[in-house]
Amino acid sequence: MIKKKYIIIFIVCGVLAIILGIIFREVNDSSSNNIEIIDATFSCGNSPQKFYSDDKYVYYFPCYKSDSIYVKYSNGNKELVVTALENKNVTISQLEKAGMKFYKNEK
């Protein structure tokens, strides 16, 4: 009888720990990626534009827009995506999670 009680308590605690872990992970993911992409491109041709590269990939906008696509931070400040990447204020992963569209080619 006592063993069943301990087993039930153990299972309930395990389930609660899993639920809390999922909640905290979602909160951390959303707070670390608290950016918005502002695309102020008026017209866009069909020529891709290289805007960034890392060890594995070269990243391209679908057209020339490096001077009209911005990152807006949670504090209200904004800067060009290319500048934010150069200054290491954002990562490609953060931009992708925020919904920025781009292409990448393996080096």
N, C-alpha and C. Protein backbone atom coordinates (compact mmCIF):
# COMPACT_ATOMS: atom_id res chain seq x y z
N MET A 1 0.82 -1.19 0.00
CA MET A 1 0.00 0.00 0.00
C MET A 1 0.87 1.26 0.00
N ILE A 2 1.89 1.29 0.82
CA ILE A 2 2.77 2.46 0.90
C ILE A 2 3.57 2.60 -0.39
N LYS A 3 3.96 1.48 -0.98
CA LYS A 3 4.72 1.52 -2.23
C LYS A 3 3.90 2.15 -3.34
N LYS A 4 2.63 1.84 -3.44
CA LYS A 4 1.76 2.43 -4.46
C LYS A 4 1.68 3.94 -4.29
N LYS A 5 1.61 4.37 -3.04
CA LYS A 5 1.54 5.81 -2.74
C LYS A 5 2.80 6.52 -3.25
N TYR A 6 3.96 5.95 -2.98
CA TYR A 6 5.22 6.54 -3.42
C TYR A 6 5.34 6.53 -4.95
N ILE A 7 4.89 5.48 -5.55
CA ILE A 7 4.94 5.39 -7.02
C ILE A 7 4.05 6.47 -7.64
N ILE A 8 2.86 6.65 -7.12
CA ILE A 8 1.95 7.68 -7.63
C ILE A 8 2.54 9.06 -7.45
N ILE A 9 3.11 9.33 -6.27
CA ILE A 9 3.74 10.63 -6.01
C ILE A 9 4.90 10.85 -6.98
N PHE A 10 5.70 9.81 -7.20
CA PHE A 10 6.83 9.91 -8.11
C PHE A 10 6.36 10.22 -9.54
N ILE A 11 5.32 9.55 -9.99
CA ILE A 11 4.79 9.78 -11.34
C ILE A 11 4.24 11.20 -11.48
N VAL A 12 3.49 11.66 -10.50
CA VAL A 12 2.93 13.01 -10.53
C VAL A 12 4.05 14.05 -10.56
N CYS A 13 5.07 13.88 -9.75
CA CYS A 13 6.21 14.82 -9.73
C CYS A 13 6.94 14.81 -11.08
N GLY A 14 7.11 13.64 -11.66
CA GLY A 14 7.77 13.54 -12.96
C GLY A 14 7.00 14.26 -14.05
N VAL A 15 5.68 14.08 -14.06
CA VAL A 15 4.84 14.76 -15.05
C VAL A 15 4.90 16.27 -14.86
N LEU A 16 4.84 16.73 -13.61
CA LEU A 16 4.94 18.17 -13.34
C LEU A 16 6.29 18.73 -13.78
N ALA A 17 7.36 17.98 -13.55
CA ALA A 17 8.69 18.44 -13.96
C ALA A 17 8.77 18.57 -15.48
N ILE A 18 8.20 17.62 -16.20
CA ILE A 18 8.19 17.69 -17.66
C ILE A 18 7.41 18.90 -18.15
N ILE A 19 6.24 19.12 -17.56
CA ILE A 19 5.41 20.27 -17.96
C ILE A 19 6.13 21.58 -17.68
N LEU A 20 6.73 21.71 -16.51
CA LEU A 20 7.46 22.93 -16.17
C LEU A 20 8.66 23.13 -17.11
N GLY A 21 9.35 22.06 -17.45
CA GLY A 21 10.48 22.16 -18.38
C GLY A 21 10.04 22.68 -19.73
N ILE A 22 8.93 22.20 -20.24
CA ILE A 22 8.41 22.66 -21.53
C ILE A 22 8.04 24.13 -21.45
N ILE A 23 7.38 24.54 -20.38
CA ILE A 23 6.97 25.94 -20.23
C ILE A 23 8.19 26.85 -20.18
N PHE A 24 9.18 26.52 -19.36
CA PHE A 24 10.37 27.37 -19.24
C PHE A 24 11.16 27.43 -20.54
N ARG A 25 11.22 26.34 -21.28
CA ARG A 25 11.93 26.35 -22.56
C ARG A 25 11.24 27.28 -23.54
N GLU A 26 9.92 27.27 -23.60
CA GLU A 26 9.19 28.15 -24.51
C GLU A 26 9.37 29.61 -24.12
N VAL A 27 9.38 29.90 -22.82
CA VAL A 27 9.59 31.28 -22.37
C VAL A 27 10.98 31.75 -22.75
N ASN A 28 11.99 30.92 -22.54
CA ASN A 28 13.36 31.30 -22.90
C ASN A 28 13.52 31.47 -24.39
N ASP A 29 12.92 30.61 -25.20
CA ASP A 29 13.02 30.73 -26.65
C ASP A 29 12.39 32.03 -27.14
N SER A 30 11.25 32.40 -26.60
CA SER A 30 10.58 33.61 -27.07
C SER A 30 11.29 34.86 -26.59
N SER A 31 11.86 34.85 -25.39
CA SER A 31 12.53 36.06 -24.90
C SER A 31 13.88 36.26 -25.57
N SER A 32 14.56 35.19 -25.96
CA SER A 32 15.86 35.34 -26.60
C SER A 32 15.72 35.74 -28.07
N ASN A 33 14.54 35.61 -28.61
CA ASN A 33 14.33 35.94 -30.01
C ASN A 33 13.28 37.04 -30.13
N ASN A 34 13.35 38.00 -29.25
CA ASN A 34 12.35 39.05 -29.21
C ASN A 34 12.70 40.15 -30.22
N ILE A 35 12.70 39.77 -31.49
CA ILE A 35 12.97 40.72 -32.56
C ILE A 35 11.85 40.64 -33.59
N GLU A 36 11.78 41.69 -34.39
CA GLU A 36 10.80 41.74 -35.47
C GLU A 36 11.53 42.14 -36.75
N ILE A 37 11.12 41.59 -37.86
CA ILE A 37 11.70 41.93 -39.15
C ILE A 37 10.79 42.96 -39.82
N ILE A 38 11.37 44.06 -40.25
CA ILE A 38 10.63 45.09 -40.98
C ILE A 38 11.20 45.16 -42.38
N ASP A 39 10.41 44.76 -43.35
CA ASP A 39 10.83 44.78 -44.75
C ASP A 39 10.18 45.98 -45.42
N ALA A 40 10.98 47.02 -45.64
CA ALA A 40 10.49 48.25 -46.25
C ALA A 40 10.84 48.32 -47.73
N THR A 41 11.03 47.17 -48.36
CA THR A 41 11.38 47.11 -49.77
C THR A 41 10.17 47.52 -50.60
N PHE A 42 10.36 48.53 -51.46
CA PHE A 42 9.27 49.03 -52.29
C PHE A 42 9.07 48.14 -53.52
N SER A 43 10.14 47.88 -54.22
CA SER A 43 10.05 46.99 -55.38
C SER A 43 11.21 46.00 -55.31
N CYS A 44 10.97 44.82 -55.86
CA CYS A 44 11.93 43.75 -55.72
C CYS A 44 12.06 43.03 -57.05
N GLY A 45 13.25 43.04 -57.63
CA GLY A 45 13.47 42.33 -58.88
C GLY A 45 13.70 40.85 -58.61
N ASN A 46 14.23 40.17 -59.59
CA ASN A 46 14.45 38.73 -59.46
C ASN A 46 15.90 38.35 -59.21
N SER A 47 16.77 39.32 -59.06
CA SER A 47 18.19 39.02 -58.86
C SER A 47 18.50 38.86 -57.38
N PRO A 48 18.96 37.68 -56.96
CA PRO A 48 19.30 37.49 -55.55
C PRO A 48 20.48 38.36 -55.15
N GLN A 49 20.51 38.75 -53.87
CA GLN A 49 21.60 39.58 -53.36
C GLN A 49 22.24 38.91 -52.16
N LYS A 50 23.55 38.69 -52.23
CA LYS A 50 24.29 38.12 -51.10
C LYS A 50 24.29 39.14 -49.97
N PHE A 51 23.99 38.68 -48.75
CA PHE A 51 24.01 39.61 -47.63
C PHE A 51 24.82 39.12 -46.44
N TYR A 52 25.20 37.82 -46.43
CA TYR A 52 25.94 37.31 -45.28
C TYR A 52 26.54 35.96 -45.64
N SER A 53 27.62 35.59 -44.95
CA SER A 53 28.17 34.24 -45.10
C SER A 53 28.79 33.82 -43.77
N ASP A 54 28.79 32.53 -43.54
CA ASP A 54 29.45 31.97 -42.36
C ASP A 54 30.34 30.82 -42.83
N ASP A 55 30.73 29.96 -41.93
CA ASP A 55 31.65 28.87 -42.26
C ASP A 55 31.07 27.88 -43.26
N LYS A 56 29.73 27.71 -43.22
CA LYS A 56 29.11 26.68 -44.04
C LYS A 56 28.32 27.22 -45.23
N TYR A 57 27.73 28.40 -45.10
CA TYR A 57 26.78 28.86 -46.11
C TYR A 57 27.02 30.30 -46.54
N VAL A 58 26.48 30.62 -47.70
CA VAL A 58 26.35 31.98 -48.19
C VAL A 58 24.85 32.26 -48.24
N TYR A 59 24.42 33.38 -47.66
CA TYR A 59 23.00 33.71 -47.55
C TYR A 59 22.64 34.81 -48.52
N TYR A 60 21.46 34.68 -49.12
CA TYR A 60 21.00 35.62 -50.14
C TYR A 60 19.58 36.08 -49.87
N PHE A 61 19.33 37.37 -50.09
CA PHE A 61 17.96 37.86 -50.17
C PHE A 61 17.43 37.44 -51.54
N PRO A 62 16.12 37.30 -51.69
CA PRO A 62 15.58 36.93 -53.01
C PRO A 62 15.76 38.03 -54.05
N CYS A 63 16.04 39.25 -53.59
CA CYS A 63 16.28 40.37 -54.49
C CYS A 63 17.11 41.41 -53.75
N TYR A 64 17.40 42.53 -54.38
CA TYR A 64 18.20 43.57 -53.75
C TYR A 64 17.36 44.28 -52.70
N LYS A 65 17.69 44.06 -51.42
CA LYS A 65 16.95 44.71 -50.34
C LYS A 65 17.79 44.95 -49.10
N SER A 66 19.10 44.86 -49.21
CA SER A 66 19.95 45.02 -48.02
C SER A 66 19.84 46.40 -47.39
N ASP A 67 19.40 47.39 -48.16
CA ASP A 67 19.26 48.73 -47.60
C ASP A 67 17.82 49.05 -47.19
N SER A 68 16.96 48.03 -47.15
CA SER A 68 15.56 48.30 -46.80
C SER A 68 14.92 47.21 -45.93
N ILE A 69 15.72 46.35 -45.34
CA ILE A 69 15.16 45.34 -44.43
C ILE A 69 15.84 45.49 -43.08
N TYR A 70 15.02 45.63 -42.03
CA TYR A 70 15.50 46.01 -40.70
C TYR A 70 15.15 44.97 -39.65
N VAL A 71 15.93 45.01 -38.57
CA VAL A 71 15.63 44.27 -37.35
C VAL A 71 15.12 45.30 -36.35
N LYS A 72 13.97 45.02 -35.76
CA LYS A 72 13.44 45.89 -34.70
C LYS A 72 13.54 45.11 -33.40
N TYR A 73 14.22 45.70 -32.42
CA TYR A 73 14.44 45.06 -31.13
C TYR A 73 13.29 45.37 -30.17
N SER A 74 13.24 44.64 -29.08
CA SER A 74 12.16 44.81 -28.11
C SER A 74 12.16 46.20 -27.47
N ASN A 75 13.32 46.87 -27.47
CA ASN A 75 13.38 48.22 -26.90
C ASN A 75 12.94 49.30 -27.89
N GLY A 76 12.55 48.89 -29.10
CA GLY A 76 12.07 49.85 -30.11
C GLY A 76 13.13 50.28 -31.10
N ASN A 77 14.39 50.07 -30.81
CA ASN A 77 15.46 50.43 -31.74
C ASN A 77 15.42 49.51 -32.95
N LYS A 78 15.91 50.03 -34.08
CA LYS A 78 16.00 49.19 -35.26
C LYS A 78 17.28 49.50 -36.00
N GLU A 79 17.75 48.51 -36.76
CA GLU A 79 18.93 48.68 -37.61
C GLU A 79 18.81 47.73 -38.79
N LEU A 80 19.57 48.05 -39.83
CA LEU A 80 19.56 47.19 -41.00
C LEU A 80 20.00 45.77 -40.61
N VAL A 81 19.42 44.80 -41.25
CA VAL A 81 19.76 43.40 -40.98
C VAL A 81 21.25 43.17 -41.20
N VAL A 82 21.79 43.69 -42.30
CA VAL A 82 23.21 43.46 -42.59
C VAL A 82 24.10 44.07 -41.50
N THR A 83 23.72 45.23 -40.98
CA THR A 83 24.48 45.86 -39.91
C THR A 83 24.37 45.06 -38.62
N ALA A 84 23.17 44.58 -38.32
CA ALA A 84 22.96 43.78 -37.11
C ALA A 84 23.79 42.51 -37.16
N LEU A 85 23.88 41.88 -38.32
CA LEU A 85 24.71 40.68 -38.47
C LEU A 85 26.19 41.02 -38.33
N GLU A 86 26.63 42.09 -38.96
CA GLU A 86 28.04 42.50 -38.88
C GLU A 86 28.44 42.77 -37.44
N ASN A 87 27.55 43.43 -36.69
CA ASN A 87 27.84 43.79 -35.30
C ASN A 87 27.53 42.66 -34.31
N LYS A 88 27.10 41.52 -34.84
CA LYS A 88 26.75 40.35 -34.04
C LYS A 88 25.65 40.63 -33.02
N ASN A 89 24.73 41.51 -33.39
CA ASN A 89 23.57 41.80 -32.55
C ASN A 89 22.46 40.76 -32.74
N VAL A 90 22.48 40.06 -33.86
CA VAL A 90 21.53 38.99 -34.14
C VAL A 90 22.27 37.85 -34.84
N THR A 91 21.62 36.71 -34.88
CA THR A 91 22.16 35.57 -35.61
C THR A 91 21.22 35.22 -36.75
N ILE A 92 21.72 34.46 -37.69
CA ILE A 92 20.88 33.98 -38.78
C ILE A 92 19.70 33.18 -38.22
N SER A 93 19.97 32.39 -37.22
CA SER A 93 18.92 31.58 -36.60
C SER A 93 17.80 32.46 -36.03
N GLN A 94 18.16 33.54 -35.36
CA GLN A 94 17.16 34.46 -34.82
C GLN A 94 16.34 35.10 -35.94
N LEU A 95 17.02 35.50 -37.01
CA LEU A 95 16.32 36.12 -38.14
C LEU A 95 15.34 35.13 -38.76
N GLU A 96 15.77 33.90 -38.90
CA GLU A 96 14.91 32.87 -39.48
C GLU A 96 13.69 32.61 -38.58
N LYS A 97 13.92 32.53 -37.27
CA LYS A 97 12.82 32.33 -36.33
C LYS A 97 11.84 33.49 -36.34
N ALA A 98 12.35 34.69 -36.62
CA ALA A 98 11.50 35.88 -36.67
C ALA A 98 10.73 35.96 -37.99
N GLY A 99 11.02 35.06 -38.93
CA GLY A 99 10.25 35.01 -40.17
C GLY A 99 10.90 35.62 -41.39
N MET A 100 12.17 36.00 -41.28
CA MET A 100 12.85 36.57 -42.44
C MET A 100 13.07 35.49 -43.49
N LYS A 101 12.77 35.82 -44.74
CA LYS A 101 12.92 34.87 -45.85
C LYS A 101 14.25 35.12 -46.55
N PHE A 102 14.99 34.05 -46.79
CA PHE A 102 16.26 34.13 -47.50
C PHE A 102 16.59 32.76 -48.06
N TYR A 103 17.61 32.74 -48.90
CA TYR A 103 18.12 31.50 -49.48
C TYR A 103 19.53 31.30 -48.94
N LYS A 104 19.96 30.05 -48.93
CA LYS A 104 21.35 29.78 -48.56
C LYS A 104 21.91 28.70 -49.46
N ASN A 105 23.17 28.87 -49.79
CA ASN A 105 23.90 27.90 -50.59
C ASN A 105 25.10 27.44 -49.80
N GLU A 106 25.35 26.14 -49.85
CA GLU A 106 26.50 25.58 -49.17
C GLU A 106 27.77 26.03 -49.87
N LYS A 107 28.79 26.33 -49.07
CA LYS A 107 30.08 26.77 -49.65
C LYS A 107 30.79 25.61 -50.30
